[in-house]
Each structure stands twice: as C-alpha cells, then as structure tokens.
Amino acid sequence: SGTHAELKKKSDKMRARADRIVKKHMDADSSKSDKSGQHKKEKQTVETLLRNADKIDKFLASNEKRLGHSRTKKEVQSN
C-alpha cells in the first residue's frame, strides 16, 4: 500500500535489485564459479521481484490516484 509515487518508487527499486542480481550472475558466470544452489535461489528472487514490480505497474496504470476528503484533497494510500 502507498501513494502512487511511493508505489512507483517501490517498483523501480525492485527492478534495480533484480538488475543487480542479474549483473552479479553474469560476473560469476565469467569467472566460472560453481554455486548452482545459490544461482537457483537468486534466479527465483529475480523472477519474484520482476513479477511483483509488474503487478505494481499494472495497478498504477489501471487505477487513478485516490484523493482524501479534507480541504487540501491530499492523495491517500491505496491498498
């Protein structure tokens, strides 16, 4: 839950984390280290991060900002 700006920031952080893990994998592949158990876990983490980021982006695209009922009409958090 959060405002649209907070959710966008969260999505961006998830994608950045996934990119760092993929870059780490590429570096490890070039050095030929064999940690298949760790790679499998990190691959699942990347898939989960990207899936959650996609869900947030889909929510942001299909829902408008919710405004409160106060005089200032500030944005309220979505669930």
PDB file of N, CA and C in Angstrom:
ATOM      1  N   SER A   1       0.837  -1.174   0.000  1.00  0.00           N
ATOM      2  CA  SER A   1       0.000   0.000   0.000  1.00  0.00           C
ATOM      3  C   SER A   1       0.882   1.236   0.000  1.00  0.00           C
ATOM      4  N   GLY A   2       0.347   2.309  -0.504  1.00  0.00           N
ATOM      5  CA  GLY A   2       1.076   3.559  -0.572  1.00  0.00           C
ATOM      6  C   GLY A   2       0.471   4.475  -1.615  1.00  0.00           C
ATOM      7  N   THR A   3       1.014   5.672  -1.703  1.00  0.00           N
ATOM      8  CA  THR A   3       0.567   6.600  -2.728  1.00  0.00           C
ATOM      9  C   THR A   3       1.147   6.150  -4.062  1.00  0.00           C
ATOM     10  N   HIS A   4       0.664   6.737  -5.143  1.00  0.00           N
ATOM     11  CA  HIS A   4       1.160   6.352  -6.465  1.00  0.00           C
ATOM     12  C   HIS A   4       2.675   6.585  -6.564  1.00  0.00           C
ATOM     13  N   ALA A   5       3.148   7.689  -6.012  1.00  0.00           N
ATOM     14  CA  ALA A   5       4.582   7.988  -6.067  1.00  0.00           C
ATOM     15  C   ALA A   5       5.384   6.949  -5.286  1.00  0.00           C
ATOM     16  N   GLU A   6       4.877   6.560  -4.112  1.00  0.00           N
ATOM     17  CA  GLU A   6       5.568   5.552  -3.304  1.00  0.00           C
ATOM     18  C   GLU A   6       5.588   4.202  -4.010  1.00  0.00           C
ATOM     19  N   LEU A   7       4.476   3.840  -4.640  1.00  0.00           N
ATOM     20  CA  LEU A   7       4.403   2.562  -5.344  1.00  0.00           C
ATOM     21  C   LEU A   7       5.332   2.544  -6.557  1.00  0.00           C
ATOM     22  N   LYS A   8       5.422   3.662  -7.271  1.00  0.00           N
ATOM     23  CA  LYS A   8       6.326   3.751  -8.425  1.00  0.00           C
ATOM     24  C   LYS A   8       7.772   3.595  -7.963  1.00  0.00           C
ATOM     25  N   LYS A   9       8.110   4.248  -6.857  1.00  0.00           N
ATOM     26  CA  LYS A   9       9.463   4.153  -6.312  1.00  0.00           C
ATOM     27  C   LYS A   9       9.769   2.712  -5.897  1.00  0.00           C
ATOM     28  N   LYS A  10       8.793   2.050  -5.289  1.00  0.00           N
ATOM     29  CA  LYS A  10       8.954   0.658  -4.865  1.00  0.00           C
ATOM     30  C   LYS A  10       9.193  -0.251  -6.075  1.00  0.00           C
ATOM     31  N   SER A  11       8.432  -0.034  -7.133  1.00  0.00           N
ATOM     32  CA  SER A  11       8.591  -0.817  -8.359  1.00  0.00           C
ATOM     33  C   SER A  11       9.986  -0.612  -8.954  1.00  0.00           C
ATOM     34  N   ASP A  12      10.437   0.633  -8.986  1.00  0.00           N
ATOM     35  CA  ASP A  12      11.765   0.938  -9.527  1.00  0.00           C
ATOM     36  C   ASP A  12      12.868   0.268  -8.706  1.00  0.00           C
ATOM     37  N   LYS A  13      12.708   0.261  -7.369  1.00  0.00           N
ATOM     38  CA  LYS A  13      13.699  -0.377  -6.508  1.00  0.00           C
ATOM     39  C   LYS A  13      13.748  -1.881  -6.751  1.00  0.00           C
ATOM     40  N   MET A  14      12.580  -2.499  -6.964  1.00  0.00           N
ATOM     41  CA  MET A  14      12.539  -3.938  -7.232  1.00  0.00           C
ATOM     42  C   MET A  14      13.259  -4.266  -8.530  1.00  0.00           C
ATOM     43  N   ARG A  15      13.008  -3.467  -9.556  1.00  0.00           N
ATOM     44  CA  ARG A  15      13.661  -3.701 -10.846  1.00  0.00           C
ATOM     45  C   ARG A  15      15.178  -3.484 -10.749  1.00  0.00           C
ATOM     46  N   ALA A  16      15.589  -2.474  -9.992  1.00  0.00           N
ATOM     47  CA  ALA A  16      17.017  -2.214  -9.825  1.00  0.00           C
ATOM     48  C   ALA A  16      17.686  -3.371  -9.082  1.00  0.00           C
ATOM     49  N   ARG A  17      17.027  -3.900  -8.075  1.00  0.00           N
ATOM     50  CA  ARG A  17      17.573  -5.038  -7.323  1.00  0.00           C
ATOM     51  C   ARG A  17      17.705  -6.263  -8.231  1.00  0.00           C
ATOM     52  N   ALA A  18      16.692  -6.496  -9.052  1.00  0.00           N
ATOM     53  CA  ALA A  18      16.743  -7.624  -9.987  1.00  0.00           C
ATOM     54  C   ALA A  18      17.898  -7.441 -10.972  1.00  0.00           C
ATOM     55  N   ASP A  19      18.105  -6.223 -11.452  1.00  0.00           N
ATOM     56  CA  ASP A  19      19.206  -5.953 -12.384  1.00  0.00           C
ATOM     57  C   ASP A  19      20.564  -6.207 -11.728  1.00  0.00           C
ATOM     58  N   ARG A  20      20.699  -5.818 -10.441  1.00  0.00           N
ATOM     59  CA  ARG A  20      21.962  -6.058  -9.734  1.00  0.00           C
ATOM     60  C   ARG A  20      22.239  -7.554  -9.594  1.00  0.00           C
ATOM     61  N   ILE A  21      21.197  -8.337  -9.304  1.00  0.00           N
ATOM     62  CA  ILE A  21      21.377  -9.782  -9.161  1.00  0.00           C
ATOM     63  C   ILE A  21      21.788 -10.395 -10.497  1.00  0.00           C
ATOM     64  N   VAL A  22      21.139  -9.968 -11.580  1.00  0.00           N
ATOM     65  CA  VAL A  22      21.477 -10.494 -12.909  1.00  0.00           C
ATOM     66  C   VAL A  22      22.917 -10.131 -13.266  1.00  0.00           C
ATOM     67  N   LYS A  23      23.332  -8.904 -12.971  1.00  0.00           N
ATOM     68  CA  LYS A  23      24.709  -8.480 -13.252  1.00  0.00           C
ATOM     69  C   LYS A  23      25.690  -9.326 -12.445  1.00  0.00           C
ATOM     70  N   LYS A  24      25.349  -9.597 -11.198  1.00  0.00           N
ATOM     71  CA  LYS A  24      26.195 -10.435 -10.349  1.00  0.00           C
ATOM     72  C   LYS A  24      26.328 -11.839 -10.948  1.00  0.00           C
ATOM     73  N   HIS A  25      25.237 -12.363 -11.488  1.00  0.00           N
ATOM     74  CA  HIS A  25      25.262 -13.678 -12.133  1.00  0.00           C
ATOM     75  C   HIS A  25      26.183 -13.664 -13.346  1.00  0.00           C
ATOM     76  N   MET A  26      26.086 -12.618 -14.139  1.00  0.00           N
ATOM     77  CA  MET A  26      26.916 -12.531 -15.340  1.00  0.00           C
ATOM     78  C   MET A  26      28.398 -12.479 -14.963  1.00  0.00           C
ATOM     79  N   ASP A  27      28.725 -11.733 -13.905  1.00  0.00           N
ATOM     80  CA  ASP A  27      30.110 -11.665 -13.448  1.00  0.00           C
ATOM     81  C   ASP A  27      30.576 -13.025 -12.935  1.00  0.00           C
ATOM     82  N   ALA A  28      29.701 -13.722 -12.210  1.00  0.00           N
ATOM     83  CA  ALA A  28      30.050 -15.040 -11.676  1.00  0.00           C
ATOM     84  C   ALA A  28      30.206 -16.052 -12.804  1.00  0.00           C
ATOM     85  N   ASP A  29      29.375 -15.941 -13.829  1.00  0.00           N
ATOM     86  CA  ASP A  29      29.477 -16.858 -14.966  1.00  0.00           C
ATOM     87  C   ASP A  29      30.799 -16.690 -15.703  1.00  0.00           C
ATOM     88  N   SER A  30      31.277 -15.463 -15.773  1.00  0.00           N
ATOM     89  CA  SER A  30      32.536 -15.224 -16.471  1.00  0.00           C
ATOM     90  C   SER A  30      33.722 -15.765 -15.674  1.00  0.00           C
ATOM     91  N   SER A  31      33.576 -15.873 -14.350  1.00  0.00           N
ATOM     92  CA  SER A  31      34.674 -16.403 -13.533  1.00  0.00           C
ATOM     93  C   SER A  31      34.544 -17.906 -13.305  1.00  0.00           C
ATOM     94  N   LYS A  32      33.498 -18.516 -13.842  1.00  0.00           N
ATOM     95  CA  LYS A  32      33.278 -19.966 -13.810  1.00  0.00           C
ATOM     96  C   LYS A  32      33.164 -20.539 -12.395  1.00  0.00           C
ATOM     97  N   SER A  33      32.624 -19.771 -11.459  1.00  0.00           N
ATOM     98  CA  SER A  33      32.406 -20.326 -10.121  1.00  0.00           C
ATOM     99  C   SER A  33      31.152 -21.190 -10.149  1.00  0.00           C
ATOM    100  N   ASP A  34      31.134 -22.240  -9.347  1.00  0.00           N
ATOM    101  CA  ASP A  34      30.031 -23.202  -9.380  1.00  0.00           C
ATOM    102  C   ASP A  34      29.239 -23.136  -8.076  1.00  0.00           C
ATOM    103  N   LYS A  35      28.215 -22.319  -8.062  1.00  0.00           N
ATOM    104  CA  LYS A  35      27.323 -22.208  -6.911  1.00  0.00           C
ATOM    105  C   LYS A  35      25.896 -22.340  -7.417  1.00  0.00           C
ATOM    106  N   SER A  36      25.566 -23.501  -7.945  1.00  0.00           N
ATOM    107  CA  SER A  36      24.272 -23.690  -8.599  1.00  0.00           C
ATOM    108  C   SER A  36      23.106 -23.514  -7.636  1.00  0.00           C
ATOM    109  N   GLY A  37      23.261 -23.932  -6.379  1.00  0.00           N
ATOM    110  CA  GLY A  37      22.193 -23.759  -5.401  1.00  0.00           C
ATOM    111  C   GLY A  37      21.892 -22.293  -5.158  1.00  0.00           C
ATOM    112  N   GLN A  38      22.945 -21.507  -5.048  1.00  0.00           N
ATOM    113  CA  GLN A  38      22.788 -20.070  -4.839  1.00  0.00           C
ATOM    114  C   GLN A  38      22.188 -19.421  -6.081  1.00  0.00           C
ATOM    115  N   HIS A  39      22.618 -19.851  -7.270  1.00  0.00           N
ATOM    116  CA  HIS A  39      22.093 -19.288  -8.518  1.00  0.00           C
ATOM    117  C   HIS A  39      20.601 -19.580  -8.655  1.00  0.00           C
ATOM    118  N   LYS A  40      20.193 -20.775  -8.282  1.00  0.00           N
ATOM    119  CA  LYS A  40      18.783 -21.149  -8.393  1.00  0.00           C
ATOM    120  C   LYS A  40      17.925 -20.266  -7.482  1.00  0.00           C
ATOM    121  N   LYS A  41      18.409 -20.033  -6.260  1.00  0.00           N
ATOM    122  CA  LYS A  41      17.672 -19.201  -5.308  1.00  0.00           C
ATOM    123  C   LYS A  41      17.593 -17.756  -5.806  1.00  0.00           C
ATOM    124  N   GLU A  42      18.706 -17.252  -6.306  1.00  0.00           N
ATOM    125  CA  GLU A  42      18.723 -15.877  -6.799  1.00  0.00           C
ATOM    126  C   GLU A  42      17.888 -15.723  -8.063  1.00  0.00           C
ATOM    127  N   LYS A  43      17.848 -16.758  -8.899  1.00  0.00           N
ATOM    128  CA  LYS A  43      17.001 -16.707 -10.096  1.00  0.00           C
ATOM    129  C   LYS A  43      15.537 -16.591  -9.692  1.00  0.00           C
ATOM    130  N   GLN A  44      15.148 -17.346  -8.674  1.00  0.00           N
ATOM    131  CA  GLN A  44      13.773 -17.274  -8.185  1.00  0.00           C
ATOM    132  C   GLN A  44      13.493 -15.893  -7.591  1.00  0.00           C
ATOM    133  N   THR A  45      14.480 -15.323  -6.898  1.00  0.00           N
ATOM    134  CA  THR A  45      14.325 -13.987  -6.333  1.00  0.00           C
ATOM    135  C   THR A  45      14.105 -12.961  -7.435  1.00  0.00           C
ATOM    136  N   VAL A  46      14.879 -13.053  -8.511  1.00  0.00           N
ATOM    137  CA  VAL A  46      14.735 -12.128  -9.642  1.00  0.00           C
ATOM    138  C   VAL A  46      13.337 -12.250 -10.243  1.00  0.00           C
ATOM    139  N   GLU A  47      12.883 -13.486 -10.450  1.00  0.00           N
ATOM    140  CA  GLU A  47      11.550 -13.691 -11.023  1.00  0.00           C
ATOM    141  C   GLU A  47      10.471 -13.105 -10.123  1.00  0.00           C
ATOM    142  N   THR A  48      10.608 -13.296  -8.819  1.00  0.00           N
ATOM    143  CA  THR A  48       9.625 -12.766  -7.873  1.00  0.00           C
ATOM    144  C   THR A  48       9.641 -11.244  -7.872  1.00  0.00           C
ATOM    145  N   LEU A  49      10.834 -10.649  -7.852  1.00  0.00           N
ATOM    146  CA  LEU A  49      10.937  -9.189  -7.864  1.00  0.00           C
ATOM    147  C   LEU A  49      10.295  -8.600  -9.117  1.00  0.00           C
ATOM    148  N   LEU A  50      10.588  -9.192 -10.267  1.00  0.00           N
ATOM    149  CA  LEU A  50      10.033  -8.674 -11.520  1.00  0.00           C
ATOM    150  C   LEU A  50       8.520  -8.880 -11.587  1.00  0.00           C
ATOM    151  N   ARG A  51       8.042 -10.012 -11.092  1.00  0.00           N
ATOM    152  CA  ARG A  51       6.603 -10.274 -11.090  1.00  0.00           C
ATOM    153  C   ARG A  51       5.881  -9.255 -10.197  1.00  0.00           C
ATOM    154  N   ASN A  52       6.443  -8.977  -9.015  1.00  0.00           N
ATOM    155  CA  ASN A  52       5.829  -8.001  -8.116  1.00  0.00           C
ATOM    156  C   ASN A  52       5.892  -6.588  -8.691  1.00  0.00           C
ATOM    157  N   ALA A  53       7.000  -6.243  -9.338  1.00  0.00           N
ATOM    158  CA  ALA A  53       7.116  -4.926  -9.967  1.00  0.00           C
ATOM    159  C   ALA A  53       6.086  -4.783 -11.087  1.00  0.00           C
ATOM    160  N   ASP A  54       5.870  -5.849 -11.856  1.00  0.00           N
ATOM    161  CA  ASP A  54       4.860  -5.817 -12.917  1.00  0.00           C
ATOM    162  C   ASP A  54       3.461  -5.630 -12.341  1.00  0.00           C
ATOM    163  N   LYS A  55       3.180  -6.289 -11.219  1.00  0.00           N
ATOM    164  CA  LYS A  55       1.867  -6.143 -10.581  1.00  0.00           C
ATOM    165  C   LYS A  55       1.637  -4.703 -10.126  1.00  0.00           C
ATOM    166  N   ILE A  56       2.670  -4.092  -9.559  1.00  0.00           N
ATOM    167  CA  ILE A  56       2.554  -2.703  -9.111  1.00  0.00           C
ATOM    168  C   ILE A  56       2.338  -1.790 -10.310  1.00  0.00           C
ATOM    169  N   ASP A  57       3.117  -1.985 -11.379  1.00  0.00           N
ATOM    170  CA  ASP A  57       2.973  -1.151 -12.577  1.00  0.00           C
ATOM    171  C   ASP A  57       1.588  -1.302 -13.196  1.00  0.00           C
ATOM    172  N   LYS A  58       1.067  -2.519 -13.213  1.00  0.00           N
ATOM    173  CA  LYS A  58      -0.272  -2.758 -13.750  1.00  0.00           C
ATOM    174  C   LYS A  58      -1.316  -2.033 -12.903  1.00  0.00           C
ATOM    175  N   PHE A  59      -1.160  -2.089 -11.575  1.00  0.00           N
ATOM    176  CA  PHE A  59      -2.076  -1.392 -10.678  1.00  0.00           C
ATOM    177  C   PHE A  59      -2.028   0.114 -10.926  1.00  0.00           C
ATOM    178  N   LEU A  60      -0.824   0.667 -11.052  1.00  0.00           N
ATOM    179  CA  LEU A  60      -0.686   2.109 -11.269  1.00  0.00           C
ATOM    180  C   LEU A  60      -1.308   2.538 -12.596  1.00  0.00           C
ATOM    181  N   ALA A  61      -1.207   1.685 -13.613  1.00  0.00           N
ATOM    182  CA  ALA A  61      -1.759   2.020 -14.926  1.00  0.00           C
ATOM    183  C   ALA A  61      -3.283   1.959 -14.935  1.00  0.00           C
ATOM    184  N   SER A  62      -3.853   1.082 -14.125  1.00  0.00           N
ATOM    185  CA  SER A  62      -5.300   0.881 -14.191  1.00  0.00           C
ATOM    186  C   SER A  62      -6.082   1.621 -13.110  1.00  0.00           C
ATOM    187  N   ASN A  63      -5.412   2.223 -12.144  1.00  0.00           N
ATOM    188  CA  ASN A  63      -6.113   2.922 -11.064  1.00  0.00           C
ATOM    189  C   ASN A  63      -5.640   4.359 -10.960  1.00  0.00           C
ATOM    190  N   GLU A  64      -6.587   5.238 -10.724  1.00  0.00           N
ATOM    191  CA  GLU A  64      -6.253   6.649 -10.562  1.00  0.00           C
ATOM    192  C   GLU A  64      -5.895   6.930  -9.106  1.00  0.00           C
ATOM    193  N   LYS A  65      -5.270   8.075  -8.891  1.00  0.00           N
ATOM    194  CA  LYS A  65      -4.923   8.474  -7.530  1.00  0.00           C
ATOM    195  C   LYS A  65      -6.196   8.684  -6.726  1.00  0.00           C
ATOM    196  N   ARG A  66      -6.148   8.297  -5.448  1.00  0.00           N
ATOM    197  CA  ARG A  66      -7.289   8.490  -4.557  1.00  0.00           C
ATOM    198  C   ARG A  66      -7.040   9.748  -3.737  1.00  0.00           C
ATOM    199  N   LEU A  67      -7.999  10.659  -3.765  1.00  0.00           N
ATOM    200  CA  LEU A  67      -7.869  11.896  -3.010  1.00  0.00           C
ATOM    201  C   LEU A  67      -8.711  11.816  -1.750  1.00  0.00           C
ATOM    202  N   GLY A  68      -8.200  12.419  -0.679  1.00  0.00           N
ATOM    203  CA  GLY A  68      -8.906  12.412   0.592  1.00  0.00           C
ATOM    204  C   GLY A  68     -10.068  13.393   0.589  1.00  0.00           C
ATOM    205  N   HIS A  69     -10.791  13.414   1.686  1.00  0.00           N
ATOM    206  CA  HIS A  69     -11.974  14.264   1.796  1.00  0.00           C
ATOM    207  C   HIS A  69     -11.699  15.572   2.532  1.00  0.00           C
ATOM    208  N   SER A  70     -10.464  15.842   2.870  1.00  0.00           N
ATOM    209  CA  SER A  70     -10.148  17.072   3.579  1.00  0.00           C
ATOM    210  C   SER A  70     -10.141  18.256   2.610  1.00  0.00           C
ATOM    211  N   ARG A  71      -9.950  19.436   3.157  1.00  0.00           N
ATOM    212  CA  ARG A  71      -9.923  20.631   2.309  1.00  0.00           C
ATOM    213  C   ARG A  71      -8.757  20.609   1.335  1.00  0.00           C
ATOM    214  N   THR A  72      -7.647  20.021   1.729  1.00  0.00           N
ATOM    215  CA  THR A  72      -6.455  20.048   0.884  1.00  0.00           C
ATOM    216  C   THR A  72      -6.485  18.996  -0.213  1.00  0.00           C
ATOM    217  N   LYS A  73      -7.375  18.009  -0.103  1.00  0.00           N
ATOM    218  CA  LYS A  73      -7.518  16.950  -1.114  1.00  0.00           C
ATOM    219  C   LYS A  73      -6.192  16.234  -1.383  1.00  0.00           C
ATOM    220  N   LYS A  74      -5.469  15.898  -0.317  1.00  0.00           N
ATOM    221  CA  LYS A  74      -4.212  15.170  -0.470  1.00  0.00           C
ATOM    222  C   LYS A  74      -4.486  13.740  -0.901  1.00  0.00           C
ATOM    223  N   GLU A  75      -3.506  13.164  -1.592  1.00  0.00           N
ATOM    224  CA  GLU A  75      -3.627  11.776  -2.024  1.00  0.00           C
ATOM    225  C   GLU A  75      -3.543  10.856  -0.807  1.00  0.00           C
ATOM    226  N   VAL A  76      -4.414   9.856  -0.778  1.00  0.00           N
ATOM    227  CA  VAL A  76      -4.383   8.866   0.295  1.00  0.00           C
ATOM    228  C   VAL A  76      -3.815   7.565  -0.254  1.00  0.00           C
ATOM    229  N   GLN A  77      -3.358   6.714   0.644  1.00  0.00           N
ATOM    230  CA  GLN A  77      -2.734   5.467   0.228  1.00  0.00           C
ATOM    231  C   GLN A  77      -3.753   4.492  -0.324  1.00  0.00           C
ATOM    232  N   SER A  78      -3.327   3.753  -1.333  1.00  0.00           N
ATOM    233  CA  SER A  78      -4.131   2.671  -1.894  1.00  0.00           C
ATOM    234  C   SER A  78      -3.654   1.366  -1.287  1.00  0.00           C
ATOM    235  N   ASN A  79      -4.520   0.386  -1.261  1.00  0.00           N
ATOM    236  CA  ASN A  79      -4.116  -0.921  -0.715  1.00  0.00           C
ATOM    237  C   ASN A  79      -3.601  -1.812  -1.776  1.00  0.00           C
TER     238      ASN A  79
END
